[in-house]
Amino acid sequence: MSRTALDRGPFASPKRWVHALAAVGLLAVFSMGTTGCALPYWGRSISPLHPSGWGFPYPIFASVQQQLEDDIQREEFDDRVPILDPIPPNSTAPLCLDPPSEKEVWDRVPKIRHGISGLYEVQYNNVRILIEKIGEQIDPPKIYPLAGPCQKVSCHYKCTVYYDALYWSDYPIPFNHVDHKVEVIYIDKDFLRRVAGPENVTRPPVENTLNAPVQNPY
């Protein structure tokens, strides 16, 4: 039986085509499951080559990094209700001790996304924030899960934001416009106060029966 040069080439066996198509299909499926510049979430903990679970360094856009930092901060601080000490009796100190920060107020101001550089851009300047407490409320004692008997203190704030929005473009028609804006943001902050028991508890006197004489029952 004689074989030609074509028979000894890479197209001789159809199994090679099957293996190549299978490899391309697996690569396509893996690529479709990966979006952006990172691996899926389930792949973070399967690689032993990196302490964080990733097997190789990968680039992260600035917007993605900022979103991750905001999520971590919201999970650690914003989504948790602090539990403070009980309110001292006859105390005149203010109940609301943690007003909203300027960053928290500015993040809630509706803004326009920045456009394309040179064509249409937006910039915010001269930001001034005024924070005013407009009310506070103390709820009656109540048993909260994982916290015990506590009182909820609700603080209401009115935040007025003054800023200048600058719009400009260089192409095709150069222009710039400054708009003086005022935004009013209402923020409610709640926290818990432990409920303290009475300082002096009046109890009935306990009779000392150890040294009492034993009476003869007969």
C-alpha atoms as a PDB file:
ATOM      1  CA  MET A   1       0.000   0.000   0.000  1.00  0.00           C
ATOM      2  CA  SER A   2       1.514   3.317  -1.098  1.00  0.00           C
ATOM      3  CA  ARG A   3       1.038   6.730   0.569  1.00  0.00           C
ATOM      4  CA  THR A   4       1.454  10.092  -1.085  1.00  0.00           C
ATOM      5  CA  ALA A   5       2.834  13.308   0.408  1.00  0.00           C
ATOM      6  CA  LEU A   6      -0.731  14.598   0.842  1.00  0.00           C
ATOM      7  CA  ASP A   7      -1.548  11.589   3.022  1.00  0.00           C
ATOM      8  CA  ARG A   8       1.381  12.349   5.304  1.00  0.00           C
ATOM      9  CA  GLY A   9       0.411  16.048   5.642  1.00  0.00           C
ATOM     10  CA  PRO A  10      -1.657  17.743   8.370  1.00  0.00           C
ATOM     11  CA  PHE A  11      -4.893  17.066   6.451  1.00  0.00           C
ATOM     12  CA  ALA A  12      -4.435  13.304   6.443  1.00  0.00           C
ATOM     13  CA  SER A  13      -6.465  12.438   9.548  1.00  0.00           C
ATOM     14  CA  PRO A  14      -9.905  13.955  10.243  1.00  0.00           C
ATOM     15  CA  LYS A  15      -9.284  13.553  13.993  1.00  0.00           C
ATOM     16  CA  ARG A  16      -6.978  16.563  13.944  1.00  0.00           C
ATOM     17  CA  TRP A  17      -9.791  18.716  12.600  1.00  0.00           C
ATOM     18  CA  VAL A  18     -12.090  17.449  15.330  1.00  0.00           C
ATOM     19  CA  HIS A  19      -9.523  18.211  18.031  1.00  0.00           C
ATOM     20  CA  ALA A  20      -8.882  21.679  16.613  1.00  0.00           C
ATOM     21  CA  LEU A  21     -12.592  22.517  16.450  1.00  0.00           C
ATOM     22  CA  ALA A  22     -13.103  21.255  19.999  1.00  0.00           C
ATOM     23  CA  ALA A  23     -10.230  23.410  21.292  1.00  0.00           C
ATOM     24  CA  VAL A  24     -11.561  26.485  19.480  1.00  0.00           C
ATOM     25  CA  GLY A  25     -15.054  25.835  20.864  1.00  0.00           C
ATOM     26  CA  LEU A  26     -13.793  25.545  24.440  1.00  0.00           C
ATOM     27  CA  LEU A  27     -11.781  28.742  24.049  1.00  0.00           C
ATOM     28  CA  ALA A  28     -14.824  30.562  22.673  1.00  0.00           C
ATOM     29  CA  VAL A  29     -17.031  29.392  25.570  1.00  0.00           C
ATOM     30  CA  PHE A  30     -14.431  30.489  28.121  1.00  0.00           C
ATOM     31  CA  SER A  31     -14.033  33.860  26.416  1.00  0.00           C
ATOM     32  CA  MET A  32     -17.793  34.474  26.323  1.00  0.00           C
ATOM     33  CA  GLY A  33     -18.018  33.869  30.064  1.00  0.00           C
ATOM     34  CA  THR A  34     -15.315  36.459  30.777  1.00  0.00           C
ATOM     35  CA  THR A  35     -16.273  40.114  30.453  1.00  0.00           C
ATOM     36  CA  GLY A  36     -13.926  43.056  30.648  1.00  0.00           C
ATOM     37  CA  CYS A  37     -10.379  42.557  31.847  1.00  0.00           C
ATOM     38  CA  ALA A  38     -11.061  40.160  34.710  1.00  0.00           C
ATOM     39  CA  LEU A  39     -12.003  36.558  35.325  1.00  0.00           C
ATOM     40  CA  PRO A  40     -15.413  35.488  36.578  1.00  0.00           C
ATOM     41  CA  TYR A  41     -16.044  35.743  40.289  1.00  0.00           C
ATOM     42  CA  TRP A  42     -15.924  31.986  40.788  1.00  0.00           C
ATOM     43  CA  GLY A  43     -12.352  31.906  39.413  1.00  0.00           C
ATOM     44  CA  ARG A  44     -10.854  34.068  42.135  1.00  0.00           C
ATOM     45  CA  SER A  45     -10.373  31.365  44.716  1.00  0.00           C
ATOM     46  CA  ILE A  46      -9.164  28.508  42.497  1.00  0.00           C
ATOM     47  CA  SER A  47      -5.725  29.838  41.616  1.00  0.00           C
ATOM     48  CA  PRO A  48      -2.918  29.191  44.138  1.00  0.00           C
ATOM     49  CA  LEU A  49      -0.462  31.480  42.294  1.00  0.00           C
ATOM     50  CA  HIS A  50      -1.613  34.729  43.923  1.00  0.00           C
ATOM     51  CA  PRO A  51      -2.650  35.513  47.517  1.00  0.00           C
ATOM     52  CA  SER A  52      -5.783  37.321  46.365  1.00  0.00           C
ATOM     53  CA  GLY A  53      -6.919  34.373  44.252  1.00  0.00           C
ATOM     54  CA  TRP A  54      -5.915  35.728  40.842  1.00  0.00           C
ATOM     55  CA  GLY A  55      -3.392  33.851  38.788  1.00  0.00           C
ATOM     56  CA  PHE A  56      -2.011  36.835  36.880  1.00  0.00           C
ATOM     57  CA  PRO A  57      -2.091  40.649  37.079  1.00  0.00           C
ATOM     58  CA  TYR A  58      -4.763  42.349  35.017  1.00  0.00           C
ATOM     59  CA  PRO A  59      -5.588  45.994  34.281  1.00  0.00           C
ATOM     60  CA  ILE A  60      -8.509  47.772  35.984  1.00  0.00           C
ATOM     61  CA  PHE A  61     -10.108  50.930  34.665  1.00  0.00           C
ATOM     62  CA  ALA A  62     -10.323  53.945  36.947  1.00  0.00           C
ATOM     63  CA  SER A  63     -14.122  53.870  36.883  1.00  0.00           C
ATOM     64  CA  VAL A  64     -14.178  50.210  37.973  1.00  0.00           C
ATOM     65  CA  GLN A  65     -11.725  50.901  40.794  1.00  0.00           C
ATOM     66  CA  GLN A  66     -13.815  53.834  42.030  1.00  0.00           C
ATOM     67  CA  GLN A  67     -16.942  51.684  41.953  1.00  0.00           C
ATOM     68  CA  LEU A  68     -15.227  48.953  43.980  1.00  0.00           C
ATOM     69  CA  GLU A  69     -14.041  51.484  46.578  1.00  0.00           C
ATOM     70  CA  ASP A  70     -17.542  52.947  46.872  1.00  0.00           C
ATOM     71  CA  ASP A  71     -19.042  49.478  47.330  1.00  0.00           C
ATOM     72  CA  ILE A  72     -16.528  48.600  50.058  1.00  0.00           C
ATOM     73  CA  GLN A  73     -17.138  51.879  51.887  1.00  0.00           C
ATOM     74  CA  ARG A  74     -20.910  51.491  51.657  1.00  0.00           C
ATOM     75  CA  GLU A  75     -20.700  47.931  52.958  1.00  0.00           C
ATOM     76  CA  GLU A  76     -18.428  48.838  55.896  1.00  0.00           C
ATOM     77  CA  PHE A  77     -19.978  52.129  57.008  1.00  0.00           C
ATOM     78  CA  ASP A  78     -23.206  53.128  55.282  1.00  0.00           C
ATOM     79  CA  ASP A  79     -25.035  49.793  55.476  1.00  0.00           C
ATOM     80  CA  ARG A  80     -24.343  49.269  59.191  1.00  0.00           C
ATOM     81  CA  VAL A  81     -26.296  50.871  62.016  1.00  0.00           C
ATOM     82  CA  PRO A  82     -24.023  51.951  64.903  1.00  0.00           C
ATOM     83  CA  ILE A  83     -24.988  51.102  68.484  1.00  0.00           C
ATOM     84  CA  LEU A  84     -24.004  53.768  71.017  1.00  0.00           C
ATOM     85  CA  ASP A  85     -24.062  53.945  74.811  1.00  0.00           C
ATOM     86  CA  PRO A  86     -27.280  54.737  76.701  1.00  0.00           C
ATOM     87  CA  ILE A  87     -28.472  58.308  76.966  1.00  0.00           C
ATOM     88  CA  PRO A  88     -27.365  59.731  80.336  1.00  0.00           C
ATOM     89  CA  PRO A  89     -30.230  60.875  82.582  1.00  0.00           C
ATOM     90  CA  ASN A  90     -30.876  64.628  82.638  1.00  0.00           C
ATOM     91  CA  SER A  91     -28.390  65.089  79.798  1.00  0.00           C
ATOM     92  CA  THR A  92     -28.478  68.259  77.699  1.00  0.00           C
ATOM     93  CA  ALA A  93     -25.984  67.069  75.083  1.00  0.00           C
ATOM     94  CA  PRO A  94     -27.263  66.880  71.500  1.00  0.00           C
ATOM     95  CA  LEU A  95     -28.440  63.469  70.387  1.00  0.00           C
ATOM     96  CA  CYS A  96     -27.264  63.731  66.776  1.00  0.00           C
ATOM     97  CA  LEU A  97     -23.473  63.532  66.929  1.00  0.00           C
ATOM     98  CA  ASP A  98     -22.683  62.376  63.377  1.00  0.00           C
ATOM     99  CA  PRO A  99     -23.882  64.820  60.700  1.00  0.00           C
ATOM    100  CA  PRO A 100     -23.424  63.802  57.053  1.00  0.00           C
ATOM    101  CA  SER A 101     -20.054  64.597  55.528  1.00  0.00           C
ATOM    102  CA  GLU A 102     -19.578  66.826  52.498  1.00  0.00           C
ATOM    103  CA  LYS A 103     -18.603  63.819  50.379  1.00  0.00           C
ATOM    104  CA  GLU A 104     -21.803  62.014  51.326  1.00  0.00           C
ATOM    105  CA  VAL A 105     -23.848  65.077  50.395  1.00  0.00           C
ATOM    106  CA  TRP A 106     -22.006  65.671  47.118  1.00  0.00           C
ATOM    107  CA  ASP A 107     -22.431  62.044  46.044  1.00  0.00           C
ATOM    108  CA  ARG A 108     -26.213  62.454  46.232  1.00  0.00           C
ATOM    109  CA  VAL A 109     -26.322  65.541  44.027  1.00  0.00           C
ATOM    110  CA  PRO A 110     -27.590  64.631  40.527  1.00  0.00           C
ATOM    111  CA  LYS A 111     -24.849  65.276  37.997  1.00  0.00           C
ATOM    112  CA  ILE A 112     -24.358  65.059  34.252  1.00  0.00           C
ATOM    113  CA  ARG A 113     -21.806  62.553  33.042  1.00  0.00           C
ATOM    114  CA  HIS A 114     -18.690  63.970  31.444  1.00  0.00           C
ATOM    115  CA  GLY A 115     -18.767  63.896  27.671  1.00  0.00           C
ATOM    116  CA  ILE A 116     -16.036  63.408  25.092  1.00  0.00           C
ATOM    117  CA  SER A 117     -12.939  65.530  25.574  1.00  0.00           C
ATOM    118  CA  GLY A 118     -12.923  68.393  23.072  1.00  0.00           C
ATOM    119  CA  LEU A 119     -16.480  67.841  21.893  1.00  0.00           C
ATOM    120  CA  TYR A 120     -18.537  68.280  25.045  1.00  0.00           C
ATOM    121  CA  GLU A 121     -17.273  68.494  28.622  1.00  0.00           C
ATOM    122  CA  VAL A 122     -18.793  69.320  32.008  1.00  0.00           C
ATOM    123  CA  GLN A 123     -16.942  70.621  35.035  1.00  0.00           C
ATOM    124  CA  TYR A 124     -18.185  71.545  38.524  1.00  0.00           C
ATOM    125  CA  ASN A 125     -16.519  74.397  40.402  1.00  0.00           C
ATOM    126  CA  ASN A 126     -17.001  76.523  43.545  1.00  0.00           C
ATOM    127  CA  VAL A 127     -18.889  73.896  45.501  1.00  0.00           C
ATOM    128  CA  ARG A 128     -20.329  75.177  48.787  1.00  0.00           C
ATOM    129  CA  ILE A 129     -22.351  72.952  51.130  1.00  0.00           C
ATOM    130  CA  LEU A 130     -24.559  74.072  54.030  1.00  0.00           C
ATOM    131  CA  ILE A 131     -25.724  71.324  56.434  1.00  0.00           C
ATOM    132  CA  GLU A 132     -28.609  72.069  58.813  1.00  0.00           C
ATOM    133  CA  LYS A 133     -30.306  69.796  61.317  1.00  0.00           C
ATOM    134  CA  ILE A 134     -34.066  70.177  60.989  1.00  0.00           C
ATOM    135  CA  GLY A 135     -35.256  67.577  63.475  1.00  0.00           C
ATOM    136  CA  GLU A 136     -34.572  64.578  65.680  1.00  0.00           C
ATOM    137  CA  GLN A 137     -36.755  61.832  67.058  1.00  0.00           C
ATOM    138  CA  ILE A 138     -36.324  59.131  69.709  1.00  0.00           C
ATOM    139  CA  ASP A 139     -38.422  55.994  69.452  1.00  0.00           C
ATOM    140  CA  PRO A 140     -39.544  54.076  72.564  1.00  0.00           C
ATOM    141  CA  PRO A 141     -37.384  51.147  73.713  1.00  0.00           C
ATOM    142  CA  LYS A 142     -37.676  48.060  71.605  1.00  0.00           C
ATOM    143  CA  ILE A 143     -35.854  44.748  71.323  1.00  0.00           C
ATOM    144  CA  TYR A 144     -33.874  44.582  68.079  1.00  0.00           C
ATOM    145  CA  PRO A 145     -32.424  41.317  66.761  1.00  0.00           C
ATOM    146  CA  LEU A 146     -28.677  40.931  67.452  1.00  0.00           C
ATOM    147  CA  ALA A 147     -28.725  44.211  69.403  1.00  0.00           C
ATOM    148  CA  GLY A 148     -31.045  43.713  72.363  1.00  0.00           C
ATOM    149  CA  PRO A 149     -33.152  46.448  73.992  1.00  0.00           C
ATOM    150  CA  CYS A 150     -32.344  49.737  72.266  1.00  0.00           C
ATOM    151  CA  GLN A 151     -33.850  53.056  71.275  1.00  0.00           C
ATOM    152  CA  LYS A 152     -33.685  54.257  67.684  1.00  0.00           C
ATOM    153  CA  VAL A 153     -32.590  57.863  67.252  1.00  0.00           C
ATOM    154  CA  SER A 154     -33.540  59.448  63.913  1.00  0.00           C
ATOM    155  CA  CYS A 155     -31.783  62.638  62.773  1.00  0.00           C
ATOM    156  CA  HIS A 156     -33.015  64.684  59.816  1.00  0.00           C
ATOM    157  CA  TYR A 157     -30.722  67.038  57.914  1.00  0.00           C
ATOM    158  CA  LYS A 158     -31.282  69.585  55.187  1.00  0.00           C
ATOM    159  CA  CYS A 159     -28.235  70.026  52.943  1.00  0.00           C
ATOM    160  CA  THR A 160     -28.068  72.949  50.513  1.00  0.00           C
ATOM    161  CA  VAL A 161     -25.430  72.697  47.795  1.00  0.00           C
ATOM    162  CA  TYR A 162     -24.294  75.703  45.750  1.00  0.00           C
ATOM    163  CA  TYR A 163     -22.039  75.063  42.750  1.00  0.00           C
ATOM    164  CA  ASP A 164     -21.175  76.283  39.261  1.00  0.00           C
ATOM    165  CA  ALA A 165     -21.587  73.925  36.316  1.00  0.00           C
ATOM    166  CA  LEU A 166     -19.294  74.778  33.401  1.00  0.00           C
ATOM    167  CA  TYR A 167     -20.211  73.445  29.951  1.00  0.00           C
ATOM    168  CA  TRP A 168     -17.881  73.914  27.033  1.00  0.00           C
ATOM    169  CA  SER A 169     -16.965  72.511  23.639  1.00  0.00           C
ATOM    170  CA  ASP A 170     -14.120  73.140  21.184  1.00  0.00           C
ATOM    171  CA  TYR A 171     -15.533  71.413  18.092  1.00  0.00           C
ATOM    172  CA  PRO A 172     -17.475  71.868  15.851  1.00  0.00           C
ATOM    173  CA  ILE A 173     -18.819  75.103  17.393  1.00  0.00           C
ATOM    174  CA  PRO A 174     -16.727  76.474  20.260  1.00  0.00           C
ATOM    175  CA  PHE A 175     -18.807  77.638  23.195  1.00  0.00           C
ATOM    176  CA  ASN A 176     -18.808  77.736  26.997  1.00  0.00           C
ATOM    177  CA  HIS A 177     -21.547  78.384  29.502  1.00  0.00           C
ATOM    178  CA  VAL A 178     -21.568  78.701  33.311  1.00  0.00           C
ATOM    179  CA  ASP A 179     -24.746  77.745  35.150  1.00  0.00           C
ATOM    180  CA  HIS A 180     -25.120  78.644  38.846  1.00  0.00           C
ATOM    181  CA  LYS A 181     -27.082  75.828  40.466  1.00  0.00           C
ATOM    182  CA  VAL A 182     -28.600  75.180  43.870  1.00  0.00           C
ATOM    183  CA  GLU A 183     -29.608  71.702  45.032  1.00  0.00           C
ATOM    184  CA  VAL A 184     -31.395  70.769  48.264  1.00  0.00           C
ATOM    185  CA  ILE A 185     -30.744  67.271  49.624  1.00  0.00           C
ATOM    186  CA  TYR A 186     -32.550  65.739  52.609  1.00  0.00           C
ATOM    187  CA  ILE A 187     -30.612  63.061  54.486  1.00  0.00           C
ATOM    188  CA  ASP A 188     -31.890  60.894  57.353  1.00  0.00           C
ATOM    189  CA  LYS A 189     -29.375  59.155  59.612  1.00  0.00           C
ATOM    190  CA  ASP A 190     -30.468  56.570  62.179  1.00  0.00           C
ATOM    191  CA  PHE A 191     -28.565  54.840  64.954  1.00  0.00           C
ATOM    192  CA  LEU A 192     -29.357  52.855  68.089  1.00  0.00           C
ATOM    193  CA  ARG A 193     -28.876  53.719  71.750  1.00  0.00           C
ATOM    194  CA  ARG A 194     -28.724  50.993  74.364  1.00  0.00           C
ATOM    195  CA  VAL A 195     -31.362  51.064  77.056  1.00  0.00           C
ATOM    196  CA  ALA A 196     -29.893  51.361  80.541  1.00  0.00           C
ATOM    197  CA  GLY A 197     -31.554  49.838  83.581  1.00  0.00           C
ATOM    198  CA  PRO A 198     -32.407  51.742  86.761  1.00  0.00           C
ATOM    199  CA  GLU A 199     -29.465  52.821  88.890  1.00  0.00           C
ATOM    200  CA  ASN A 200     -30.915  51.743  92.245  1.00  0.00           C
ATOM    201  CA  VAL A 201     -33.140  48.706  92.301  1.00  0.00           C
ATOM    202  CA  THR A 202     -35.311  48.391  95.380  1.00  0.00           C
ATOM    203  CA  ARG A 203     -35.496  44.824  96.562  1.00  0.00           C
ATOM    204  CA  PRO A 204     -37.332  43.379  99.559  1.00  0.00           C
ATOM    205  CA  PRO A 205     -35.070  42.540 102.520  1.00  0.00           C
ATOM    206  CA  VAL A 206     -33.929  38.950 102.719  1.00  0.00           C
ATOM    207  CA  GLU A 207     -34.387  37.288 106.100  1.00  0.00           C
ATOM    208  CA  ASN A 208     -31.335  35.627 107.560  1.00  0.00           C
ATOM    209  CA  THR A 209     -32.467  32.114 108.384  1.00  0.00           C
ATOM    210  CA  LEU A 210     -29.037  30.612 109.023  1.00  0.00           C
ATOM    211  CA  ASN A 211     -28.665  31.733 112.662  1.00  0.00           C
ATOM    212  CA  ALA A 212     -32.351  31.549 113.519  1.00  0.00           C
ATOM    213  CA  PRO A 213     -33.256  29.143 116.344  1.00  0.00           C
ATOM    214  CA  VAL A 214     -34.772  25.850 115.310  1.00  0.00           C
ATOM    215  CA  GLN A 215     -38.266  25.442 116.647  1.00  0.00           C
ATOM    216  CA  ASN A 216     -39.376  22.098 118.029  1.00  0.00           C
ATOM    217  CA  PRO A 217     -42.285  20.899 115.978  1.00  0.00           C
ATOM    218  CA  TYR A 218     -43.537  18.627 118.821  1.00  0.00           C
END
